[in-house]
């Protein structure tokens, strides 16, 4: 009897051991699944926190308007506006120590001109993006203000709106500033939209300190100069060749125009080169795949950036990963000649030509090869033929000015 009991116990023990052996892999799989579930939940929670923190802290605007024309086919047009203002988003002066680092003079200088205007076209099919720089002194039609420099649309409408509200008895500084800036944004967006002849889906406004903070957030941006430069107005003092600039140096680099052969047009190319190098740094540093770096960059953007209320920035961050690998083509829109208007130097442009250039670049038409004989190529200009001016020649839109994602050398 005892022998039978012992046999049964031995049999149960063997069965139990077999079950434990069979169940061990199951337990491991279950543990892995549980860990994965926890990680997913943590990622979702972190993503939601980041989304809520980002959307709640970056300034937003209703200036674009719900009835604004929109792009079709999944394309996105983004207007980047860089304000030459020495004030923060609330209209308060930037701290003296910041102004000193910016080498930009007092807060009374600059007003609310949009000295940087870039239309970024991101195709819905994932093909190469295109960025068009609009020279700030182009003489254009500004709704409600007649013809003036395109950079002045923001400030002109801001001032007029504040004057109207003050006449109606509104004297709160914060209320006037908020209403004035919204009106200025609407005016600048409408002016650029009419000038280029394309819809604007989103916009981003950055103040003068934006270049400074971006370069610092990236631990410096590498640029390349063809020649050594020194300019007391912007603070630019750089040797020729490649070099990594900190925030203060970066702002001097993108602001210099004195001493450059092309003046403002060369400054525009400086801005393009800076953005191209910054996108290259974003990609090479792994910013888009490193949550800590990305969070630091987004936190930096909070103090300088205002966007339209409907822009999902986190979705664009994912999209921007494709823009950081040299997948952007920068072009400066051409001017016809220089002139004066109301005592100020301006660029004379051909609005119809500008619209055609932008439309052809955004939606190229594939033409069939011609079958008829073509005229022979025009002879090369002789030694007595006038050469095109450097600014006109270098603003020819037939070739890209700068390929994004690299470190181009500029004047």
Foldseek 3Di string as FASTA:
>chain_A
DVVVVVVVVVVVVVVVVVVCVVCVVVVVVVVVVVVVVVVVVVVVVVVVVLLCVLLVQAAAACLCDPPFDDDPPQKAKEKEFEWAAQAFLQRHGDDPVLCVLQLQDGRVPRAGFRQWIKIWIQHRVLAFIEIETEHQQAWFQFVPPGTGGLRCQLRVQLVVQLVVVVVVPDDDSRVSSVVSNSRSVNRSQVRVCLLQVHTHDKYKYFYLQLQLLLQQLLVWFKAAAQAADQDSNRRAGGGGGIDTDHSSNLSSQLPDQPPDQQRSLLSNVSVVLRQLRSLLSCQVVVCLPDVVSVSSNSVSCSRTMYMHSPDSVVVVSVVSNSVSQLRYFYAYAAFDDWDDDPRHIGTYHDSVVSNVLSVCVNPPDDDDDDDDDDDDDDDDDDPPDDDDRPNRVLRPRPHTNDGGNDHDYGD
